[in-house]
């Protein structure tokens, strides 16, 4: 791997760890029974897919998927499967779309919704979860989507600054 790929892998790994800490903080600080998950990792997947080579992004997120599964789930398979597939799909999407606020937020909603629902379904299949789907939607999916849309709006200016410095083709208006 190139030096930049290793640096990217390190940055994404640190974001994965930060994501877990934010999720724990959110769950422990809320007075009611909601399960909000921070998905900075997925927001960064969108960002990386818009500026990196497809193969490099897929490999980085394959490694991160393995680490995510072993660190958080103790079962290899869910993130190991989903993250590289999403990276590959987003690489194709960003060949035709420009990185702007509207596309970033829409991709965030689609990606987070897909990740949450597919993770829920895969967890049900392998026996990791016993939550009814209605409860999952109300107590996990909806709050997670709402929080992460706000998070995507907050992090977009940072991504935009990085993209401008690297001279990526962007449109600043939605």
N, C-alpha and C. Protein backbone atom coordinates (compact mmCIF):
# COMPACT_ATOMS: atom_id res chain seq x y z
N UNK A 1 0.84 -1.19 0.00
CA UNK A 1 0.00 0.00 0.00
C UNK A 1 0.88 1.24 0.00
N UNK A 2 0.35 2.27 -0.62
CA UNK A 2 1.07 3.53 -0.64
C UNK A 2 0.98 4.20 0.73
N UNK A 3 1.85 5.16 0.91
CA UNK A 3 1.90 5.91 2.17
C UNK A 3 0.56 6.63 2.43
N UNK A 4 -0.03 7.21 1.39
CA UNK A 4 -1.30 7.92 1.57
C UNK A 4 -2.43 6.95 1.93
N UNK A 5 -2.38 5.74 1.38
CA UNK A 5 -3.41 4.75 1.71
C UNK A 5 -3.30 4.32 3.16
N UNK A 6 -2.07 4.16 3.64
CA UNK A 6 -1.88 3.81 5.05
C UNK A 6 -2.33 4.93 5.98
N UNK A 7 -2.04 6.16 5.58
CA UNK A 7 -2.51 7.31 6.37
C UNK A 7 -4.03 7.37 6.36
N UNK A 8 -4.64 7.13 5.21
CA UNK A 8 -6.11 7.11 5.12
C UNK A 8 -6.69 6.01 6.01
N UNK A 9 -6.06 4.84 6.00
CA UNK A 9 -6.51 3.74 6.84
C UNK A 9 -6.43 4.11 8.32
N UNK A 10 -5.37 4.76 8.72
CA UNK A 10 -5.21 5.20 10.11
C UNK A 10 -6.27 6.22 10.48
N UNK A 11 -6.52 7.17 9.60
CA UNK A 11 -7.54 8.19 9.87
C UNK A 11 -8.92 7.55 10.00
N UNK A 12 -9.26 6.65 9.10
CA UNK A 12 -10.56 5.99 9.15
C UNK A 12 -10.67 5.11 10.40
N UNK A 13 -9.59 4.46 10.79
CA UNK A 13 -9.59 3.66 12.02
C UNK A 13 -9.86 4.55 13.24
N UNK A 14 -9.20 5.69 13.31
CA UNK A 14 -9.44 6.62 14.42
C UNK A 14 -10.88 7.14 14.42
N UNK A 15 -11.42 7.37 13.24
CA UNK A 15 -12.82 7.81 13.13
C UNK A 15 -13.75 6.70 13.61
N UNK A 16 -13.42 5.45 13.29
CA UNK A 16 -14.23 4.32 13.77
C UNK A 16 -14.24 4.29 15.30
N UNK A 17 -13.09 4.49 15.92
CA UNK A 17 -13.03 4.50 17.37
C UNK A 17 -13.79 5.69 17.96
N UNK A 18 -13.65 6.86 17.35
CA UNK A 18 -14.40 8.05 17.79
C UNK A 18 -15.90 7.83 17.66
N UNK A 19 -16.30 7.19 16.58
CA UNK A 19 -17.70 6.86 16.35
C UNK A 19 -18.28 6.02 17.49
N UNK A 20 -17.55 5.02 17.91
CA UNK A 20 -17.99 4.17 19.01
C UNK A 20 -18.11 4.95 20.31
N UNK A 21 -17.16 5.85 20.55
CA UNK A 21 -17.22 6.65 21.78
C UNK A 21 -18.39 7.62 21.76
N UNK A 22 -18.65 8.24 20.60
CA UNK A 22 -19.81 9.13 20.48
C UNK A 22 -21.12 8.38 20.69
N UNK A 23 -21.21 7.18 20.13
CA UNK A 23 -22.41 6.37 20.30
C UNK A 23 -22.63 6.03 21.77
N UNK A 24 -21.57 5.62 22.45
CA UNK A 24 -21.68 5.31 23.88
C UNK A 24 -22.09 6.54 24.68
N UNK A 25 -21.50 7.68 24.37
CA UNK A 25 -21.85 8.92 25.05
C UNK A 25 -23.32 9.28 24.83
N UNK A 26 -23.78 9.15 23.59
CA UNK A 26 -25.18 9.46 23.28
C UNK A 26 -26.13 8.53 24.02
N UNK A 27 -25.84 7.25 24.00
CA UNK A 27 -26.74 6.28 24.66
C UNK A 27 -26.76 6.47 26.17
N UNK A 28 -25.62 6.80 26.75
CA UNK A 28 -25.56 6.96 28.20
C UNK A 28 -26.10 8.30 28.69
N UNK A 29 -26.14 9.29 27.83
CA UNK A 29 -26.57 10.62 28.27
C UNK A 29 -28.05 10.90 28.03
N UNK A 30 -28.71 10.07 27.23
CA UNK A 30 -30.14 10.30 26.97
C UNK A 30 -30.99 9.75 28.11
N UNK A 31 -31.97 10.52 28.57
CA UNK A 31 -32.80 10.05 29.69
C UNK A 31 -33.86 9.03 29.28
N UNK A 32 -34.08 8.84 27.99
CA UNK A 32 -35.10 7.91 27.54
C UNK A 32 -34.46 6.78 26.74
N UNK A 33 -35.25 5.78 26.42
CA UNK A 33 -34.74 4.55 25.83
C UNK A 33 -34.64 4.64 24.30
N UNK A 34 -33.70 5.45 23.82
CA UNK A 34 -33.42 5.53 22.40
C UNK A 34 -32.01 5.04 22.16
N UNK A 35 -31.80 4.44 21.01
CA UNK A 35 -30.48 3.93 20.66
C UNK A 35 -29.96 4.71 19.46
N UNK A 36 -29.33 5.82 19.73
CA UNK A 36 -28.77 6.65 18.66
C UNK A 36 -27.34 6.22 18.41
N UNK A 37 -27.04 5.91 17.16
CA UNK A 37 -25.69 5.51 16.79
C UNK A 37 -25.07 6.58 15.91
N UNK A 38 -23.91 7.05 16.30
CA UNK A 38 -23.16 7.97 15.46
C UNK A 38 -22.60 7.18 14.29
N UNK A 39 -22.71 7.72 13.11
CA UNK A 39 -22.21 7.04 11.91
C UNK A 39 -21.21 7.92 11.15
N UNK A 40 -20.27 8.50 11.89
CA UNK A 40 -19.20 9.28 11.25
C UNK A 40 -18.42 8.41 10.26
N UNK A 41 -18.31 7.14 10.57
CA UNK A 41 -17.60 6.23 9.68
C UNK A 41 -18.26 6.19 8.30
N UNK A 42 -19.58 6.15 8.28
CA UNK A 42 -20.29 6.13 6.99
C UNK A 42 -20.20 7.47 6.28
N UNK A 43 -20.23 8.57 7.04
CA UNK A 43 -20.08 9.89 6.43
C UNK A 43 -18.69 10.01 5.79
N UNK A 44 -17.69 9.45 6.44
CA UNK A 44 -16.35 9.46 5.87
C UNK A 44 -16.24 8.52 4.68
N UNK A 45 -17.02 7.46 4.67
CA UNK A 45 -17.05 6.58 3.51
C UNK A 45 -17.54 7.36 2.28
N UNK A 46 -18.55 8.19 2.48
CA UNK A 46 -19.04 9.02 1.37
C UNK A 46 -17.94 9.96 0.90
N UNK A 47 -17.29 10.61 1.85
CA UNK A 47 -16.22 11.56 1.52
C UNK A 47 -15.07 10.85 0.78
N UNK A 48 -14.61 9.73 1.30
CA UNK A 48 -13.51 9.00 0.67
C UNK A 48 -13.90 8.51 -0.71
N UNK A 49 -15.14 8.09 -0.88
CA UNK A 49 -15.59 7.59 -2.19
C UNK A 49 -15.63 8.69 -3.22
N UNK A 50 -15.78 9.92 -2.76
CA UNK A 50 -15.85 11.03 -3.71
C UNK A 50 -14.47 11.50 -4.16
N UNK A 51 -13.40 11.08 -3.46
CA UNK A 51 -12.09 11.61 -3.81
C UNK A 51 -10.99 10.58 -3.98
N UNK A 52 -11.21 9.36 -3.61
CA UNK A 52 -10.17 8.32 -3.72
C UNK A 52 -10.50 7.38 -4.88
N UNK A 53 -9.52 6.59 -5.25
CA UNK A 53 -9.73 5.55 -6.25
C UNK A 53 -10.62 4.47 -5.66
N UNK A 54 -11.46 3.88 -6.50
CA UNK A 54 -12.42 2.88 -6.04
C UNK A 54 -11.75 1.71 -5.33
N UNK A 55 -10.71 1.15 -5.92
CA UNK A 55 -10.06 -0.03 -5.35
C UNK A 55 -9.46 0.30 -3.99
N UNK A 56 -8.81 1.45 -3.89
CA UNK A 56 -8.20 1.86 -2.62
C UNK A 56 -9.27 2.04 -1.54
N UNK A 57 -10.37 2.68 -1.87
CA UNK A 57 -11.45 2.89 -0.90
C UNK A 57 -12.06 1.56 -0.47
N UNK A 58 -12.29 0.67 -1.42
CA UNK A 58 -12.86 -0.64 -1.09
C UNK A 58 -11.93 -1.41 -0.16
N UNK A 59 -10.63 -1.39 -0.45
CA UNK A 59 -9.67 -2.11 0.40
C UNK A 59 -9.59 -1.50 1.80
N UNK A 60 -9.58 -0.17 1.88
CA UNK A 60 -9.53 0.49 3.19
C UNK A 60 -10.75 0.10 4.00
N UNK A 61 -11.92 0.13 3.39
CA UNK A 61 -13.15 -0.16 4.14
C UNK A 61 -13.37 -1.65 4.35
N UNK A 62 -12.72 -2.50 3.58
CA UNK A 62 -12.72 -3.93 3.87
C UNK A 62 -11.95 -4.18 5.17
N UNK A 63 -10.79 -3.57 5.29
CA UNK A 63 -9.99 -3.71 6.52
C UNK A 63 -10.74 -3.11 7.71
N UNK A 64 -11.33 -1.94 7.51
CA UNK A 64 -12.09 -1.30 8.59
C UNK A 64 -13.31 -2.15 8.96
N UNK A 65 -13.94 -2.76 7.97
CA UNK A 65 -15.08 -3.64 8.24
C UNK A 65 -14.68 -4.82 9.10
N UNK A 66 -13.53 -5.40 8.81
CA UNK A 66 -13.02 -6.51 9.63
C UNK A 66 -12.75 -6.04 11.07
N UNK A 67 -12.11 -4.88 11.19
CA UNK A 67 -11.82 -4.35 12.52
C UNK A 67 -13.11 -3.99 13.27
N UNK A 68 -14.07 -3.39 12.56
CA UNK A 68 -15.34 -3.00 13.16
C UNK A 68 -16.09 -4.23 13.68
N UNK A 69 -16.17 -5.25 12.84
CA UNK A 69 -16.86 -6.47 13.25
C UNK A 69 -16.20 -7.13 14.45
N UNK A 70 -14.88 -7.23 14.42
CA UNK A 70 -14.20 -7.89 15.52
C UNK A 70 -14.21 -7.06 16.80
N UNK A 71 -14.17 -5.75 16.68
CA UNK A 71 -14.12 -4.87 17.85
C UNK A 71 -15.50 -4.68 18.50
N UNK A 72 -16.52 -4.45 17.66
CA UNK A 72 -17.85 -4.13 18.20
C UNK A 72 -18.81 -5.32 18.26
N UNK A 73 -18.70 -6.25 17.32
CA UNK A 73 -19.70 -7.31 17.22
C UNK A 73 -19.18 -8.70 17.61
N UNK A 74 -17.88 -8.86 17.64
CA UNK A 74 -17.26 -10.16 17.90
C UNK A 74 -17.73 -11.23 16.92
N UNK A 75 -18.09 -10.80 15.74
CA UNK A 75 -18.55 -11.69 14.68
C UNK A 75 -18.19 -11.05 13.35
N UNK A 76 -17.39 -11.70 12.57
CA UNK A 76 -16.96 -11.13 11.30
C UNK A 76 -18.03 -11.40 10.25
N UNK A 77 -18.45 -10.35 9.56
CA UNK A 77 -19.38 -10.56 8.49
C UNK A 77 -20.25 -9.37 8.13
N UNK A 78 -20.83 -8.70 9.11
CA UNK A 78 -21.80 -7.66 8.79
C UNK A 78 -21.12 -6.44 8.18
N UNK A 79 -20.27 -5.75 8.92
CA UNK A 79 -19.58 -4.57 8.38
C UNK A 79 -18.55 -4.97 7.33
N UNK A 80 -17.98 -6.15 7.48
CA UNK A 80 -17.00 -6.63 6.50
C UNK A 80 -17.64 -6.77 5.13
N UNK A 81 -18.90 -7.12 5.10
CA UNK A 81 -19.63 -7.25 3.84
C UNK A 81 -20.16 -5.90 3.36
N UNK A 82 -20.80 -5.16 4.27
CA UNK A 82 -21.50 -3.95 3.86
C UNK A 82 -20.58 -2.80 3.47
N UNK A 83 -19.54 -2.53 4.24
CA UNK A 83 -18.70 -1.36 3.97
C UNK A 83 -18.02 -1.40 2.60
N UNK A 84 -17.38 -2.51 2.21
CA UNK A 84 -16.78 -2.52 0.87
C UNK A 84 -17.81 -2.43 -0.27
N UNK A 85 -18.96 -3.05 -0.07
CA UNK A 85 -20.02 -2.97 -1.09
C UNK A 85 -20.49 -1.52 -1.24
N UNK A 86 -20.72 -0.85 -0.11
CA UNK A 86 -21.13 0.56 -0.16
C UNK A 86 -20.04 1.42 -0.79
N UNK A 87 -18.77 1.14 -0.48
CA UNK A 87 -17.67 1.91 -1.06
C UNK A 87 -17.65 1.76 -2.58
N UNK A 88 -17.87 0.56 -3.05
CA UNK A 88 -17.89 0.30 -4.48
C UNK A 88 -19.06 1.02 -5.17
N UNK A 89 -20.22 0.95 -4.56
CA UNK A 89 -21.40 1.62 -5.13
C UNK A 89 -21.21 3.13 -5.15
N UNK A 90 -20.73 3.69 -4.04
CA UNK A 90 -20.53 5.14 -3.97
C UNK A 90 -19.46 5.61 -4.95
N UNK A 91 -18.44 4.79 -5.18
CA UNK A 91 -17.43 5.15 -6.17
C UNK A 91 -18.05 5.36 -7.54
N UNK A 92 -19.00 4.49 -7.89
CA UNK A 92 -19.71 4.65 -9.15
C UNK A 92 -20.63 5.85 -9.16
N UNK A 93 -21.27 6.11 -8.04
CA UNK A 93 -22.17 7.26 -7.95
C UNK A 93 -21.41 8.56 -8.14
N UNK A 94 -20.24 8.67 -7.51
CA UNK A 94 -19.49 9.92 -7.59
C UNK A 94 -18.71 10.08 -8.89
N UNK A 95 -18.79 9.10 -9.78
CA UNK A 95 -18.26 9.32 -11.12
C UNK A 95 -19.22 10.18 -11.92
N UNK A 96 -20.50 10.18 -11.53
CA UNK A 96 -21.49 10.97 -12.26
C UNK A 96 -22.00 12.18 -11.48
N UNK A 97 -21.95 12.14 -10.17
CA UNK A 97 -22.41 13.25 -9.34
C UNK A 97 -21.25 14.06 -8.79
N UNK A 98 -21.50 15.33 -8.58
CA UNK A 98 -20.50 16.16 -7.92
C UNK A 98 -20.75 16.13 -6.41
N UNK A 99 -19.73 16.38 -5.66
CA UNK A 99 -19.83 16.41 -4.20
C UNK A 99 -20.35 17.79 -3.80
N UNK A 100 -21.61 17.86 -3.39
CA UNK A 100 -22.17 19.10 -2.87
C UNK A 100 -23.07 18.77 -1.69
N UNK A 101 -23.60 19.78 -1.04
CA UNK A 101 -24.35 19.59 0.19
C UNK A 101 -25.57 18.69 -0.01
N UNK A 102 -26.34 18.95 -1.04
CA UNK A 102 -27.54 18.15 -1.28
C UNK A 102 -27.19 16.68 -1.52
N UNK A 103 -26.22 16.43 -2.39
CA UNK A 103 -25.81 15.05 -2.66
C UNK A 103 -25.24 14.38 -1.43
N UNK A 104 -24.47 15.13 -0.64
CA UNK A 104 -23.87 14.56 0.56
C UNK A 104 -24.94 14.16 1.57
N UNK A 105 -25.91 15.03 1.79
CA UNK A 105 -26.97 14.72 2.77
C UNK A 105 -27.84 13.58 2.27
N UNK A 106 -28.20 13.59 0.99
CA UNK A 106 -29.01 12.49 0.44
C UNK A 106 -28.26 11.16 0.49
N UNK A 107 -26.99 11.18 0.14
CA UNK A 107 -26.18 9.95 0.23
C UNK A 107 -26.07 9.49 1.68
N UNK A 108 -25.97 10.45 2.60
CA UNK A 108 -25.90 10.11 4.03
C UNK A 108 -27.16 9.39 4.48
N UNK A 109 -28.31 9.93 4.12
CA UNK A 109 -29.58 9.32 4.51
C UNK A 109 -29.71 7.93 3.91
N UNK A 110 -29.43 7.81 2.63
CA UNK A 110 -29.55 6.51 1.96
C UNK A 110 -28.58 5.49 2.54
N UNK A 111 -27.34 5.91 2.74
CA UNK A 111 -26.31 5.00 3.24
C UNK A 111 -26.59 4.58 4.68
N UNK A 112 -26.95 5.52 5.53
CA UNK A 112 -27.22 5.18 6.94
C UNK A 112 -28.46 4.31 7.05
N UNK A 113 -29.50 4.65 6.29
CA UNK A 113 -30.71 3.82 6.30
C UNK A 113 -30.37 2.39 5.85
N UNK A 114 -29.63 2.28 4.75
CA UNK A 114 -29.27 0.96 4.23
C UNK A 114 -28.41 0.19 5.23
N UNK A 115 -27.42 0.85 5.81
CA UNK A 115 -26.53 0.18 6.76
C UNK A 115 -27.31 -0.30 7.98
N UNK A 116 -28.16 0.55 8.52
CA UNK A 116 -28.92 0.19 9.72
C UNK A 116 -29.88 -0.97 9.45
N UNK A 117 -30.64 -0.87 8.36
CA UNK A 117 -31.63 -1.91 8.06
C UNK A 117 -30.95 -3.23 7.70
N UNK A 118 -29.92 -3.18 6.85
CA UNK A 118 -29.23 -4.41 6.49
C UNK A 118 -28.50 -5.02 7.69
N UNK A 119 -27.93 -4.19 8.55
CA UNK A 119 -27.29 -4.70 9.77
C UNK A 119 -28.32 -5.37 10.67
N UNK A 120 -29.48 -4.73 10.80
CA UNK A 120 -30.56 -5.31 11.60
C UNK A 120 -30.98 -6.67 11.04
N UNK A 121 -31.19 -6.73 9.73
CA UNK A 121 -31.63 -7.98 9.10
C UNK A 121 -30.57 -9.08 9.22
N UNK A 122 -29.31 -8.72 8.97
CA UNK A 122 -28.24 -9.72 9.10
C UNK A 122 -28.09 -10.18 10.54
N UNK A 123 -28.25 -9.27 11.49
CA UNK A 123 -28.17 -9.65 12.91
C UNK A 123 -29.32 -10.59 13.28
N UNK A 124 -30.49 -10.36 12.72
CA UNK A 124 -31.63 -11.25 12.97
C UNK A 124 -31.36 -12.63 12.39
N UNK A 125 -30.77 -12.67 11.21
CA UNK A 125 -30.50 -13.95 10.56
C UNK A 125 -29.50 -14.80 11.36
N UNK A 126 -28.45 -14.15 11.88
CA UNK A 126 -27.44 -14.91 12.62
C UNK A 126 -27.74 -15.02 14.11
N UNK A 127 -28.87 -14.47 14.53
CA UNK A 127 -29.31 -14.62 15.92
C UNK A 127 -28.69 -13.65 16.91
N UNK A 128 -28.19 -12.51 16.43
CA UNK A 128 -27.61 -11.51 17.34
C UNK A 128 -28.65 -10.58 17.95
N UNK A 129 -29.83 -10.49 17.36
CA UNK A 129 -30.82 -9.54 17.84
C UNK A 129 -32.17 -10.18 18.04
N UNK A 130 -32.92 -9.60 18.97
CA UNK A 130 -34.28 -10.10 19.19
C UNK A 130 -35.29 -8.96 19.18
N UNK A 131 -34.87 -7.80 18.70
CA UNK A 131 -35.72 -6.61 18.67
C UNK A 131 -36.73 -6.72 17.52
N UNK A 132 -37.99 -6.42 17.82
CA UNK A 132 -39.01 -6.40 16.76
C UNK A 132 -38.71 -5.24 15.81
N UNK A 133 -39.09 -5.40 14.54
CA UNK A 133 -38.76 -4.40 13.53
C UNK A 133 -39.39 -3.05 13.85
N UNK A 134 -40.63 -3.03 14.34
CA UNK A 134 -41.29 -1.76 14.66
C UNK A 134 -40.53 -1.00 15.75
N UNK A 135 -40.08 -1.73 16.74
CA UNK A 135 -39.32 -1.13 17.84
C UNK A 135 -37.98 -0.63 17.31
N UNK A 136 -37.35 -1.40 16.44
CA UNK A 136 -36.10 -0.99 15.83
C UNK A 136 -36.27 0.33 15.07
N UNK A 137 -37.33 0.46 14.29
CA UNK A 137 -37.56 1.67 13.50
C UNK A 137 -37.76 2.88 14.41
N UNK A 138 -38.58 2.72 15.44
CA UNK A 138 -38.92 3.85 16.32
C UNK A 138 -37.77 4.22 17.26
N UNK A 139 -37.12 3.23 17.84
CA UNK A 139 -36.14 3.51 18.88
C UNK A 139 -34.69 3.56 18.39
N UNK A 140 -34.43 3.06 17.20
CA UNK A 140 -33.04 3.07 16.70
C UNK A 140 -32.91 3.78 15.36
N UNK A 141 -33.66 3.34 14.36
CA UNK A 141 -33.48 3.86 13.01
C UNK A 141 -33.81 5.34 12.89
N UNK A 142 -34.99 5.75 13.34
CA UNK A 142 -35.39 7.15 13.21
C UNK A 142 -34.47 8.10 13.99
N UNK A 143 -34.17 7.82 15.27
CA UNK A 143 -33.25 8.72 15.98
C UNK A 143 -31.84 8.75 15.37
N UNK A 144 -31.37 7.59 14.90
CA UNK A 144 -30.04 7.54 14.30
C UNK A 144 -30.01 8.35 13.01
N UNK A 145 -31.04 8.23 12.18
CA UNK A 145 -31.09 9.02 10.95
C UNK A 145 -31.14 10.51 11.26
N UNK A 146 -31.99 10.91 12.20
CA UNK A 146 -32.11 12.32 12.56
C UNK A 146 -30.79 12.89 13.06
N UNK A 147 -30.15 12.18 13.97
CA UNK A 147 -28.88 12.64 14.52
C UNK A 147 -27.81 12.74 13.45
N UNK A 148 -27.74 11.74 12.59
CA UNK A 148 -26.68 11.73 11.58
C UNK A 148 -26.91 12.71 10.45
N UNK A 149 -28.15 13.08 10.17
CA UNK A 149 -28.39 14.16 9.21
C UNK A 149 -27.83 15.46 9.78
N UNK A 150 -28.09 15.71 11.06
CA UNK A 150 -27.51 16.90 11.70
C UNK A 150 -25.98 16.83 11.70
N UNK A 151 -25.46 15.65 11.96
CA UNK A 151 -24.01 15.46 11.96
C UNK A 151 -23.43 15.68 10.56
N UNK A 152 -24.14 15.24 9.53
CA UNK A 152 -23.65 15.44 8.16
C UNK A 152 -23.66 16.92 7.79
N UNK A 153 -24.67 17.65 8.24
CA UNK A 153 -24.71 19.09 7.98
C UNK A 153 -23.56 19.81 8.70
N UNK A 154 -23.22 19.32 9.88
CA UNK A 154 -22.13 19.94 10.65
C UNK A 154 -20.76 19.61 10.07
N UNK A 155 -20.59 18.43 9.53
CA UNK A 155 -19.27 18.00 9.05
C UNK A 155 -19.02 18.39 7.59
N UNK A 156 -20.06 18.72 6.85
CA UNK A 156 -19.90 19.07 5.44
C UNK A 156 -18.90 20.21 5.21
N UNK A 157 -18.94 21.30 5.99
CA UNK A 157 -17.95 22.37 5.75
C UNK A 157 -16.50 21.90 5.91
N UNK A 158 -16.26 20.97 6.79
CA UNK A 158 -14.90 20.43 6.96
C UNK A 158 -14.50 19.67 5.70
N UNK A 159 -15.38 18.81 5.21
CA UNK A 159 -15.10 18.06 3.99
C UNK A 159 -14.90 19.01 2.81
N UNK A 160 -15.73 20.04 2.73
CA UNK A 160 -15.64 21.00 1.64
C UNK A 160 -14.29 21.71 1.65
N UNK A 161 -13.82 22.08 2.82
CA UNK A 161 -12.51 22.73 2.95
C UNK A 161 -11.40 21.80 2.47
N UNK A 162 -11.47 20.54 2.86
CA UNK A 162 -10.45 19.56 2.43
C UNK A 162 -10.49 19.39 0.91
N UNK A 163 -11.69 19.30 0.37
CA UNK A 163 -11.82 19.12 -1.07
C UNK A 163 -11.31 20.33 -1.84
N UNK A 164 -11.57 21.53 -1.33
CA UNK A 164 -11.07 22.73 -2.01
C UNK A 164 -9.55 22.77 -1.99
N UNK A 165 -8.96 22.35 -0.88
CA UNK A 165 -7.50 22.35 -0.78
C UNK A 165 -6.88 21.32 -1.70
N UNK A 166 -7.60 20.25 -1.98
CA UNK A 166 -7.06 19.22 -2.87
C UNK A 166 -7.53 19.39 -4.30
N UNK A 167 -8.20 20.49 -4.57
CA UNK A 167 -8.66 20.87 -5.92
C UNK A 167 -9.58 19.83 -6.57
N UNK A 168 -10.47 19.30 -5.76
CA UNK A 168 -11.45 18.34 -6.26
C UNK A 168 -12.57 19.13 -6.93
N UNK A 169 -13.19 18.58 -7.96
CA UNK A 169 -14.28 19.32 -8.61
C UNK A 169 -15.51 19.29 -7.70
N UNK A 170 -15.94 20.47 -7.28
CA UNK A 170 -17.04 20.57 -6.34
C UNK A 170 -17.99 21.67 -6.77
N UNK A 171 -19.16 21.60 -6.24
CA UNK A 171 -20.13 22.68 -6.35
C UNK A 171 -20.50 23.03 -4.93
N UNK A 172 -20.36 24.29 -4.55
CA UNK A 172 -20.58 24.66 -3.16
C UNK A 172 -22.04 24.86 -2.83
N UNK A 173 -22.86 25.12 -3.81
CA UNK A 173 -24.28 25.29 -3.53
C UNK A 173 -25.02 23.98 -3.71
N UNK A 174 -26.07 23.79 -2.91
CA UNK A 174 -26.88 22.59 -3.04
C UNK A 174 -27.68 22.71 -4.29
